[in-house]
Amino acid sequence: REMKKLRNKEISSVKVVWGGQAGEYATWELENKFRESYPELFSVTP
């Protein structure tokens, strides 16, 4: 997780590692958008 600070706002992003036939690569995605698309990755289970 990475936090970028703007003047009046903080933006949280997560590093996503994508895998595929050609190999793996990583991108930074906005955390709130990624949570909407993949909520199961952020759920906390005891």
PDB file of N, CA and C in Angstrom:
ATOM      1  N   ARG A   1       0.845  -1.172   0.000  1.00  0.00           N
ATOM      2  CA  ARG A   1       0.000   0.000   0.000  1.00  0.00           C
ATOM      3  C   ARG A   1       0.886   1.229   0.000  1.00  0.00           C
ATOM      4  N   GLU A   2       0.420   2.230  -0.711  1.00  0.00           N
ATOM      5  CA  GLU A   2       1.156   3.478  -0.805  1.00  0.00           C
ATOM      6  C   GLU A   2       0.177   4.632  -0.667  1.00  0.00           C
ATOM      7  N   MET A   3       0.584   5.653   0.061  1.00  0.00           N
ATOM      8  CA  MET A   3      -0.244   6.842   0.236  1.00  0.00           C
ATOM      9  C   MET A   3       0.437   8.009  -0.467  1.00  0.00           C
ATOM     10  N   LYS A   4      -0.304   8.664  -1.347  1.00  0.00           N
ATOM     11  CA  LYS A   4       0.207   9.869  -1.995  1.00  0.00           C
ATOM     12  C   LYS A   4      -0.538  11.048  -1.397  1.00  0.00           C
ATOM     13  N   LYS A   5       0.201  12.045  -0.988  1.00  0.00           N
ATOM     14  CA  LYS A   5      -0.420  13.199  -0.360  1.00  0.00           C
ATOM     15  C   LYS A   5      -0.437  14.372  -1.333  1.00  0.00           C
ATOM     16  N   LEU A   6      -1.631  14.886  -1.556  1.00  0.00           N
ATOM     17  CA  LEU A   6      -1.800  16.087  -2.358  1.00  0.00           C
ATOM     18  C   LEU A   6      -1.979  17.251  -1.394  1.00  0.00           C
ATOM     19  N   ARG A   7      -2.370  18.373  -1.852  1.00  0.00           N
ATOM     20  CA  ARG A   7      -2.523  19.523  -0.957  1.00  0.00           C
ATOM     21  C   ARG A   7      -3.514  19.251   0.171  1.00  0.00           C
ATOM     22  N   ASN A   8      -4.731  18.869  -0.178  1.00  0.00           N
ATOM     23  CA  ASN A   8      -5.781  18.687   0.828  1.00  0.00           C
ATOM     24  C   ASN A   8      -6.293  17.260   0.896  1.00  0.00           C
ATOM     25  N   LYS A   9      -5.599  16.331   0.288  1.00  0.00           N
ATOM     26  CA  LYS A   9      -6.169  15.005   0.101  1.00  0.00           C
ATOM     27  C   LYS A   9      -5.075  13.947   0.096  1.00  0.00           C
ATOM     28  N   GLU A  10      -5.414  12.752   0.574  1.00  0.00           N
ATOM     29  CA  GLU A  10      -4.504  11.622   0.486  1.00  0.00           C
ATOM     30  C   GLU A  10      -5.140  10.562  -0.399  1.00  0.00           C
ATOM     31  N   ILE A  11      -4.349   9.987  -1.292  1.00  0.00           N
ATOM     32  CA  ILE A  11      -4.839   8.959  -2.198  1.00  0.00           C
ATOM     33  C   ILE A  11      -4.117   7.664  -1.878  1.00  0.00           C
ATOM     34  N   SER A  12      -4.893   6.629  -1.591  1.00  0.00           N
ATOM     35  CA  SER A  12      -4.335   5.332  -1.258  1.00  0.00           C
ATOM     36  C   SER A  12      -4.334   4.447  -2.495  1.00  0.00           C
ATOM     37  N   SER A  13      -3.187   3.813  -2.747  1.00  0.00           N
ATOM     38  CA  SER A  13      -3.110   2.890  -3.873  1.00  0.00           C
ATOM     39  C   SER A  13      -2.456   1.592  -3.419  1.00  0.00           C
ATOM     40  N   VAL A  14      -2.748   0.533  -4.140  1.00  0.00           N
ATOM     41  CA  VAL A  14      -2.191  -0.784  -3.828  1.00  0.00           C
ATOM     42  C   VAL A  14      -1.427  -1.292  -5.040  1.00  0.00           C
ATOM     43  N   LYS A  15      -0.366  -2.040  -4.778  1.00  0.00           N
ATOM     44  CA  LYS A  15       0.427  -2.619  -5.859  1.00  0.00           C
ATOM     45  C   LYS A  15      -0.194  -3.956  -6.224  1.00  0.00           C
ATOM     46  N   VAL A  16      -0.525  -4.122  -7.498  1.00  0.00           N
ATOM     47  CA  VAL A  16      -1.174  -5.333  -7.980  1.00  0.00           C
ATOM     48  C   VAL A  16      -0.216  -6.055  -8.918  1.00  0.00           C
ATOM     49  N   VAL A  17       0.027  -7.330  -8.629  1.00  0.00           N
ATOM     50  CA  VAL A  17       0.882  -8.141  -9.490  1.00  0.00           C
ATOM     51  C   VAL A  17      -0.027  -8.989 -10.365  1.00  0.00           C
ATOM     52  N   TRP A  18       0.082  -8.791 -11.662  1.00  0.00           N
ATOM     53  CA  TRP A  18      -0.730  -9.509 -12.631  1.00  0.00           C
ATOM     54  C   TRP A  18       0.108 -10.638 -13.222  1.00  0.00           C
ATOM     55  N   GLY A  19      -0.496 -11.805 -13.352  1.00  0.00           N
ATOM     56  CA  GLY A  19       0.207 -12.930 -13.969  1.00  0.00           C
ATOM     57  C   GLY A  19      -0.459 -13.299 -15.275  1.00  0.00           C
ATOM     58  N   GLY A  20       0.270 -13.927 -16.128  1.00  0.00           N
ATOM     59  CA  GLY A  20      -0.299 -14.326 -17.403  1.00  0.00           C
ATOM     60  C   GLY A  20       0.674 -15.169 -18.193  1.00  0.00           C
ATOM     61  N   GLN A  21       0.313 -15.474 -19.407  1.00  0.00           N
ATOM     62  CA  GLN A  21       1.138 -16.298 -20.282  1.00  0.00           C
ATOM     63  C   GLN A  21       2.506 -15.655 -20.542  1.00  0.00           C
ATOM     64  N   ALA A  22       2.523 -14.354 -20.712  1.00  0.00           N
ATOM     65  CA  ALA A  22       3.764 -13.662 -21.050  1.00  0.00           C
ATOM     66  C   ALA A  22       4.630 -13.367 -19.827  1.00  0.00           C
ATOM     67  N   GLY A  23       4.133 -13.617 -18.633  1.00  0.00           N
ATOM     68  CA  GLY A  23       4.898 -13.331 -17.422  1.00  0.00           C
ATOM     69  C   GLY A  23       4.127 -12.429 -16.488  1.00  0.00           C
ATOM     70  N   GLU A  24       4.780 -12.031 -15.417  1.00  0.00           N
ATOM     71  CA  GLU A  24       4.120 -11.193 -14.422  1.00  0.00           C
ATOM     72  C   GLU A  24       4.585  -9.746 -14.554  1.00  0.00           C
ATOM     73  N   TYR A  25       3.692  -8.844 -14.238  1.00  0.00           N
ATOM     74  CA  TYR A  25       4.041  -7.437 -14.170  1.00  0.00           C
ATOM     75  C   TYR A  25       3.195  -6.798 -13.086  1.00  0.00           C
ATOM     76  N   ALA A  26       3.620  -5.656 -12.586  1.00  0.00           N
ATOM     77  CA  ALA A  26       2.934  -5.009 -11.473  1.00  0.00           C
ATOM     78  C   ALA A  26       2.503  -3.603 -11.876  1.00  0.00           C
ATOM     79  N   THR A  27       1.361  -3.186 -11.328  1.00  0.00           N
ATOM     80  CA  THR A  27       0.866  -1.830 -11.534  1.00  0.00           C
ATOM     81  C   THR A  27       0.339  -1.305 -10.212  1.00  0.00           C
ATOM     82  N   TRP A  28       0.286  -0.002 -10.085  1.00  0.00           N
ATOM     83  CA  TRP A  28      -0.336   0.627  -8.925  1.00  0.00           C
ATOM     84  C   TRP A  28      -1.765   0.984  -9.312  1.00  0.00           C
ATOM     85  N   GLU A  29      -2.730   0.554  -8.479  1.00  0.00           N
ATOM     86  CA  GLU A  29      -4.150   0.805  -8.732  1.00  0.00           C
ATOM     87  C   GLU A  29      -4.732   1.573  -7.553  1.00  0.00           C
ATOM     88  N   LEU A  30      -5.751   2.389  -7.810  1.00  0.00           N
ATOM     89  CA  LEU A  30      -6.424   3.091  -6.723  1.00  0.00           C
ATOM     90  C   LEU A  30      -7.106   2.072  -5.822  1.00  0.00           C
ATOM     91  N   GLU A  31      -6.856   2.183  -4.518  1.00  0.00           N
ATOM     92  CA  GLU A  31      -7.377   1.186  -3.586  1.00  0.00           C
ATOM     93  C   GLU A  31      -8.902   1.141  -3.579  1.00  0.00           C
ATOM     94  N   ASN A  32      -9.562   2.294  -3.561  1.00  0.00           N
ATOM     95  CA  ASN A  32     -11.024   2.282  -3.482  1.00  0.00           C
ATOM     96  C   ASN A  32     -11.661   1.642  -4.719  1.00  0.00           C
ATOM     97  N   LYS A  33     -11.100   1.860  -5.895  1.00  0.00           N
ATOM     98  CA  LYS A  33     -11.633   1.234  -7.112  1.00  0.00           C
ATOM     99  C   LYS A  33     -11.369  -0.269  -7.111  1.00  0.00           C
ATOM    100  N   PHE A  34     -10.208  -0.658  -6.622  1.00  0.00           N
ATOM    101  CA  PHE A  34      -9.866  -2.076  -6.584  1.00  0.00           C
ATOM    102  C   PHE A  34     -10.721  -2.811  -5.560  1.00  0.00           C
ATOM    103  N   ARG A  35     -11.040  -2.142  -4.436  1.00  0.00           N
ATOM    104  CA  ARG A  35     -11.933  -2.738  -3.425  1.00  0.00           C
ATOM    105  C   ARG A  35     -13.322  -2.993  -4.001  1.00  0.00           C
ATOM    106  N   GLU A  36     -13.809  -2.081  -4.849  1.00  0.00           N
ATOM    107  CA  GLU A  36     -15.121  -2.260  -5.471  1.00  0.00           C
ATOM    108  C   GLU A  36     -15.127  -3.470  -6.398  1.00  0.00           C
ATOM    109  N   SER A  37     -14.061  -3.637  -7.155  1.00  0.00           N
ATOM    110  CA  SER A  37     -13.988  -4.721  -8.130  1.00  0.00           C
ATOM    111  C   SER A  37     -13.665  -6.071  -7.508  1.00  0.00           C
ATOM    112  N   TYR A  38     -12.834  -6.080  -6.466  1.00  0.00           N
ATOM    113  CA  TYR A  38     -12.366  -7.330  -5.854  1.00  0.00           C
ATOM    114  C   TYR A  38     -12.480  -7.267  -4.330  1.00  0.00           C
ATOM    115  N   PRO A  39     -13.702  -7.189  -3.785  1.00  0.00           N
ATOM    116  CA  PRO A  39     -13.856  -7.054  -2.325  1.00  0.00           C
ATOM    117  C   PRO A  39     -13.326  -8.254  -1.554  1.00  0.00           C
ATOM    118  N   GLU A  40     -13.318  -9.433  -2.172  1.00  0.00           N
ATOM    119  CA  GLU A  40     -12.855 -10.636  -1.477  1.00  0.00           C
ATOM    120  C   GLU A  40     -11.369 -10.565  -1.124  1.00  0.00           C
ATOM    121  N   LEU A  41     -10.615  -9.753  -1.822  1.00  0.00           N
ATOM    122  CA  LEU A  41      -9.188  -9.620  -1.524  1.00  0.00           C
ATOM    123  C   LEU A  41      -8.926  -8.772  -0.283  1.00  0.00           C
ATOM    124  N   PHE A  42      -9.924  -7.990   0.141  1.00  0.00           N
ATOM    125  CA  PHE A  42      -9.752  -7.094   1.269  1.00  0.00           C
ATOM    126  C   PHE A  42     -10.543  -7.524   2.495  1.00  0.00           C
ATOM    127  N   SER A  43     -11.310  -8.600   2.392  1.00  0.00           N
ATOM    128  CA  SER A  43     -12.120  -9.027   3.532  1.00  0.00           C
ATOM    129  C   SER A  43     -11.222  -9.593   4.625  1.00  0.00           C
ATOM    130  N   VAL A  44     -11.578  -9.282   5.862  1.00  0.00           N
ATOM    131  CA  VAL A  44     -10.802  -9.738   7.013  1.00  0.00           C
ATOM    132  C   VAL A  44     -11.547 -10.895   7.656  1.00  0.00           C
ATOM    133  N   THR A  45     -10.909 -12.058   7.666  1.00  0.00           N
ATOM    134  CA  THR A  45     -11.507 -13.227   8.309  1.00  0.00           C
ATOM    135  C   THR A  45     -10.581 -13.685   9.423  1.00  0.00           C
ATOM    136  N   PRO A  46     -11.147 -13.983  10.591  1.00  0.00           N
ATOM    137  CA  PRO A  46     -10.305 -14.393  11.728  1.00  0.00           C
ATOM    138  C   PRO A  46      -9.690 -15.760  11.552  1.00  0.00           C
TER     139      PRO A  46
END
